[in-house]
Each structure stands twice: as structure tokens, then as C-alpha cells.
């Protein structure tokens, strides 16, 4: 069954992932994780299949399941520092600036597996405004695909999860949003095969309007004719 189009979706609040959804940071992610994987005797291409959406320590636990978690936390701190210092190639996802301007007065929050410093660095590098309400890595006890971050974001906005729509690009993120009881708009190529409620190649394909009763109405542009 094809995904419903965003024109069929209304919400009271929007919860936004960052990497892959608002910001294209794939160049940095690939550099850092390829190096880490090589240092640990792993196939970098296989490692990159599971890094998106999760906090670093959670990715490491998937890739090295027998390693003590303390080592994953230690490596995660180093990885965050490396990623925060490396903004070469960090750019906005197409349409992100206009999208953020459109939702500026609407209830929205950032829910990201990045910590506060990394989120600030990447949003700034991409020229995007930082949402006032944000749930970063320091504020949750469990990484996506656990729903904790999305549930916290909805609570801080003051809305029931069922009244929220999450924007995500990764399998872990979409699973987290669904586990929180939210509908999902998938953004970009990684999301296309994950059966979100709606999918857009990037944010240029999305129009956001505010209804007369304060609801948020989402509409996606018709796909180009092949």
C-alpha cells in the first residue's frame, strides 16, 4: 500500500530529527565512522549501514556486542568531539531553510541523537535556526530506536504523541517515533524503503500551512512524471 501523502496529515506539533532530515552531515559521519571501524577491524561499509539515527555508543554496541559498554561510552565521547570539530561538508538538506521559516511560529522541537554541542555546530554550519525546544543526547537515558526522546519532546511541547508528526530519515529514528505513537514523514533516500506515513525526497517537496483552528497541515508536491 503506498504511503499516505502529507496532504492527508494534520498535527498539533512537529518533532524534527536533525542529521539526514534537516542537515546533511553524511560526509562527516562517513569520515569519522570509517576511521573508527577500520581501527576496530570492521568493514567500514557494513558499519555505515547501522550508524544513522543512533547515538554513537548504541551503534558501537551493535557492531561490537561483546565489548564492555564502558568502552563504548568512552569511544562515544571521543567520537562526539571529533564530529563537533569537523563541519567540512555539513550542509542543509534541500528546502530546510524555508521549512524552518514556515514552522517558526508553530509548535516544534528538535529530537536528535547528537549532543547539544554537536547539534549547535551542525545547525550553525548549515545556516539553520536552532529550535527553542530540543531533546539532545544528554537529555535521554536511551538512544533511538527507544522512543524516550520523542516522548520527551511531545511532553515539553504539551501535546499528546498521537497529535504529533515526527520527521525522520533513518530506520532507528522511524522506529523510535512509531514506538512513541507518532506518525512519521520520512525524508530522503534512507527513509523511502521504511514505509513512513508519507515520504519526501527532501524538504523542497513539502508545504506547511496553519489551519484556522491552529492545526498544522502538511502537503507534499506530486512526484515528477518519469
Protein backbone atom coordinates (compact mmCIF):
# COMPACT_ATOMS: atom_id res chain seq x y z
CA UNK A 1 0.00 0.00 0.00
CA UNK A 2 1.52 3.40 -0.91
CA UNK A 3 2.20 5.84 1.89
CA UNK A 4 -0.39 8.50 2.56
CA UNK A 5 0.58 11.93 1.29
CA UNK A 6 1.21 14.72 3.80
CA UNK A 7 -1.90 16.49 2.48
CA UNK A 8 -3.78 13.78 4.38
CA UNK A 9 -1.90 14.57 7.61
CA UNK A 10 -2.64 17.19 10.20
CA UNK A 11 -0.90 17.65 13.52
CA UNK A 12 -0.65 19.89 16.55
CA UNK A 13 3.14 19.74 16.76
CA UNK A 14 6.18 18.63 14.77
CA UNK A 15 9.19 16.74 16.11
CA UNK A 16 12.30 17.00 13.97
CA UNK A 17 15.32 14.78 13.70
CA UNK A 18 18.48 16.66 12.64
CA UNK A 19 21.04 14.57 10.72
CA UNK A 20 19.66 13.45 7.38
CA UNK A 21 16.41 15.31 7.99
CA UNK A 22 17.40 18.98 8.34
CA UNK A 23 21.17 18.73 7.96
CA UNK A 24 23.18 16.61 5.54
CA UNK A 25 26.19 15.56 7.63
CA UNK A 26 26.89 12.33 5.77
CA UNK A 27 30.40 13.44 4.77
CA UNK A 28 31.46 13.89 8.41
CA UNK A 29 29.69 10.77 9.61
CA UNK A 30 31.34 8.69 6.92
CA UNK A 31 34.83 10.07 7.66
CA UNK A 32 34.60 9.50 11.41
CA UNK A 33 32.92 6.11 11.34
CA UNK A 34 35.08 4.69 8.57
CA UNK A 35 38.13 5.53 10.65
CA UNK A 36 36.61 4.02 13.80
CA UNK A 37 35.51 0.86 12.00
CA UNK A 38 38.93 0.36 10.43
CA UNK A 39 40.66 0.84 13.79
CA UNK A 40 38.45 -1.91 15.24
CA UNK A 41 38.87 -4.39 12.41
CA UNK A 42 35.38 -3.90 11.00
CA UNK A 43 34.19 -3.47 7.43
CA UNK A 44 33.50 0.29 7.11
CA UNK A 45 30.78 -0.22 4.51
CA UNK A 46 28.93 -2.62 6.79
CA UNK A 47 29.38 -0.30 9.78
CA UNK A 48 27.85 2.62 7.90
CA UNK A 49 24.67 0.62 7.39
CA UNK A 50 23.81 0.88 11.11
CA UNK A 51 25.24 4.22 12.27
CA UNK A 52 22.41 6.51 11.20
CA UNK A 53 19.89 7.59 13.80
CA UNK A 54 21.53 6.09 16.88
CA UNK A 55 23.81 7.62 19.46
CA UNK A 56 27.39 6.52 18.93
CA UNK A 57 27.60 4.22 21.94
CA UNK A 58 24.49 2.38 20.75
CA UNK A 59 25.95 1.90 17.29
CA UNK A 60 29.16 0.56 18.84
CA UNK A 61 27.14 -1.89 20.92
CA UNK A 62 25.51 -3.23 17.76
CA UNK A 63 28.81 -3.55 15.93
CA UNK A 64 30.81 -4.96 18.87
CA UNK A 65 28.20 -6.72 21.02
CA UNK A 66 30.71 -8.39 23.33
CA UNK A 67 32.62 -5.22 24.21
CA UNK A 68 32.09 -3.65 27.66
CA UNK A 69 29.66 -0.74 27.48
CA UNK A 70 32.11 1.46 29.36
CA UNK A 71 34.41 1.31 26.34
CA UNK A 72 31.54 2.30 24.06
CA UNK A 73 30.75 5.32 26.23
CA UNK A 74 34.43 6.33 26.22
CA UNK A 75 34.70 5.99 22.45
CA UNK A 76 31.43 7.85 22.05
CA UNK A 77 32.84 10.86 23.90
CA UNK A 78 35.83 10.91 21.58
CA UNK A 79 33.62 10.48 18.52
CA UNK A 80 31.38 13.38 19.57
CA UNK A 81 34.40 15.64 19.99
CA UNK A 82 35.70 14.66 16.54
CA UNK A 83 32.35 15.19 14.87
CA UNK A 84 31.79 18.54 16.59
CA UNK A 85 35.16 19.81 15.37
CA UNK A 86 34.58 18.58 11.80
CA UNK A 87 31.98 20.60 9.91
CA UNK A 88 33.53 20.24 6.47
CA UNK A 89 30.75 19.29 4.09
CA UNK A 90 27.90 19.91 6.56
CA UNK A 91 25.09 21.49 4.53
CA UNK A 92 21.33 21.93 4.90
CA UNK A 93 19.02 19.37 3.36
CA UNK A 94 17.40 21.00 0.33
CA UNK A 95 14.46 23.11 1.43
CA UNK A 96 15.39 23.05 5.11
CA UNK A 97 15.79 26.82 5.49
CA UNK A 98 12.38 27.57 4.01
CA UNK A 99 10.80 24.74 6.00
CA UNK A 100 12.23 26.08 9.28
CA UNK A 101 10.95 29.56 8.41
CA UNK A 102 7.49 28.15 7.70
CA UNK A 103 7.27 26.40 11.08
CA UNK A 104 8.93 29.14 13.15
CA UNK A 105 5.66 30.11 14.85
CA UNK A 106 4.29 26.58 15.02
CA UNK A 107 4.91 24.12 17.87
CA UNK A 108 8.05 22.15 17.05
CA UNK A 109 11.07 20.61 18.73
CA UNK A 110 14.37 19.04 17.75
CA UNK A 111 14.84 15.40 18.79
CA UNK A 112 18.36 14.33 17.90
CA UNK A 113 20.91 11.68 18.82
CA UNK A 114 23.57 14.42 18.74
CA UNK A 115 24.53 16.12 21.97
CA UNK A 116 23.96 19.85 22.45
CA UNK A 117 27.42 20.90 21.23
CA UNK A 118 27.23 18.79 18.09
CA UNK A 119 23.68 19.92 17.34
CA UNK A 120 24.68 23.57 17.71
CA UNK A 121 27.73 23.07 15.49
CA UNK A 122 25.85 21.34 12.68
CA UNK A 123 22.77 23.58 12.70
CA UNK A 124 25.04 26.63 12.65
CA UNK A 125 27.20 25.21 9.85
CA UNK A 126 24.04 24.54 7.84
CA UNK A 127 22.74 28.07 8.48
CA UNK A 128 19.59 26.83 10.21
CA UNK A 129 17.92 28.24 13.33
CA UNK A 130 18.08 26.10 16.45
CA UNK A 131 14.61 25.24 17.80
CA UNK A 132 13.96 26.62 21.26
CA UNK A 133 12.82 23.21 22.48
CA UNK A 134 15.24 20.38 21.84
CA UNK A 135 15.91 16.93 23.20
CA UNK A 136 19.59 16.12 22.70
CA UNK A 137 21.64 13.10 23.70
CA UNK A 138 22.36 14.35 27.22
CA UNK A 139 18.67 14.50 28.00
CA UNK A 140 17.77 10.86 27.42
CA UNK A 141 18.79 7.62 29.04
CA UNK A 142 18.29 5.51 25.91
CA UNK A 143 19.16 6.06 22.25
CA UNK A 144 16.79 5.78 19.33
CA UNK A 145 15.12 3.40 18.46
CA UNK A 146 13.92 3.84 22.05
CA UNK A 147 11.02 6.35 22.00
CA UNK A 148 12.19 8.34 25.05
CA UNK A 149 13.40 11.36 23.09
CA UNK A 150 10.21 11.75 21.10
CA UNK A 151 8.05 11.28 24.18
CA UNK A 152 10.03 13.98 26.00
CA UNK A 153 9.73 16.32 23.05
CA UNK A 154 5.96 15.89 22.87
CA UNK A 155 5.64 16.40 26.62
CA UNK A 156 7.66 19.61 26.55
CA UNK A 157 5.53 20.93 23.72
CA UNK A 158 2.44 19.99 25.70
CA UNK A 159 0.86 17.64 23.17
CA UNK A 160 -0.16 14.01 23.11
CA UNK A 161 2.16 11.91 20.93
CA UNK A 162 -0.79 10.97 18.71
CA UNK A 163 -1.15 14.66 17.85
CA UNK A 164 2.49 14.93 16.75
CA UNK A 165 4.23 14.14 13.48
CA UNK A 166 7.90 13.19 13.50
CA UNK A 167 10.29 13.91 10.64
CA UNK A 168 12.97 11.22 10.31
CA UNK A 169 15.43 9.75 7.82
CA UNK A 170 16.70 6.58 9.49
CA UNK A 171 15.35 3.18 10.47
CA UNK A 172 16.21 3.73 14.14
CA UNK A 173 14.52 7.12 14.13
CA UNK A 174 11.37 5.92 12.42
CA UNK A 175 11.13 3.00 14.83
CA UNK A 176 11.51 5.41 17.77
CA UNK A 177 8.79 7.73 16.51
CA UNK A 178 6.42 4.86 15.85
CA UNK A 179 7.09 3.40 19.30
CA UNK A 180 6.18 6.81 20.73
CA UNK A 181 2.82 6.59 18.97
CA UNK A 182 3.53 9.23 16.32
CA UNK A 183 3.01 9.37 12.61
CA UNK A 184 6.16 9.81 10.54
CA UNK A 185 7.19 11.79 7.50
CA UNK A 186 10.28 10.12 6.05
CA UNK A 187 12.88 12.41 4.50
CA UNK A 188 15.49 11.35 1.96
CA UNK A 189 16.61 8.08 0.40
CA UNK A 190 17.16 6.08 3.60
CA UNK A 191 13.55 6.60 4.63
CA UNK A 192 12.00 5.66 1.30
CA UNK A 193 12.04 1.91 1.94
CA UNK A 194 10.87 2.12 5.56
CA UNK A 195 7.15 2.69 4.90
CA UNK A 196 6.69 6.02 6.70
CA UNK A 197 3.23 7.54 6.67
CA UNK A 198 4.50 9.90 3.99
CA UNK A 199 7.82 10.30 2.20
CA UNK A 200 9.59 13.25 0.58
CA UNK A 201 12.96 13.16 -1.22
CA UNK A 202 13.85 16.40 0.55
CA UNK A 203 12.08 19.34 2.16
CA UNK A 204 11.51 21.24 -1.09
CA UNK A 205 8.66 18.78 -1.72
CA UNK A 206 6.81 19.76 1.45
CA UNK A 207 4.41 22.63 2.15
CA UNK A 208 3.37 23.52 5.70
CA UNK A 209 0.34 25.64 6.48
CA UNK A 210 -1.53 26.51 9.65
CA UNK A 211 -5.23 25.71 9.69
CA UNK A 212 -7.84 28.11 11.11
CA UNK A 213 -8.08 26.06 14.29
CA UNK A 214 -4.31 26.06 14.82
CA UNK A 215 -3.68 22.62 13.34
CA UNK A 216 -0.62 22.07 11.16
CA UNK A 217 -1.41 20.85 7.66
CA UNK A 218 1.24 19.05 5.61
CA UNK A 219 1.17 18.66 1.83
CA UNK A 220 3.70 17.02 -0.45
CA UNK A 221 4.31 18.01 -4.04
CA UNK A 222 3.28 15.50 -6.68
CA UNK A 223 6.25 13.34 -7.74
CA UNK A 224 7.72 14.21 -11.13
CA UNK A 225 6.50 12.18 -14.07
CA UNK A 226 9.16 9.73 -15.22
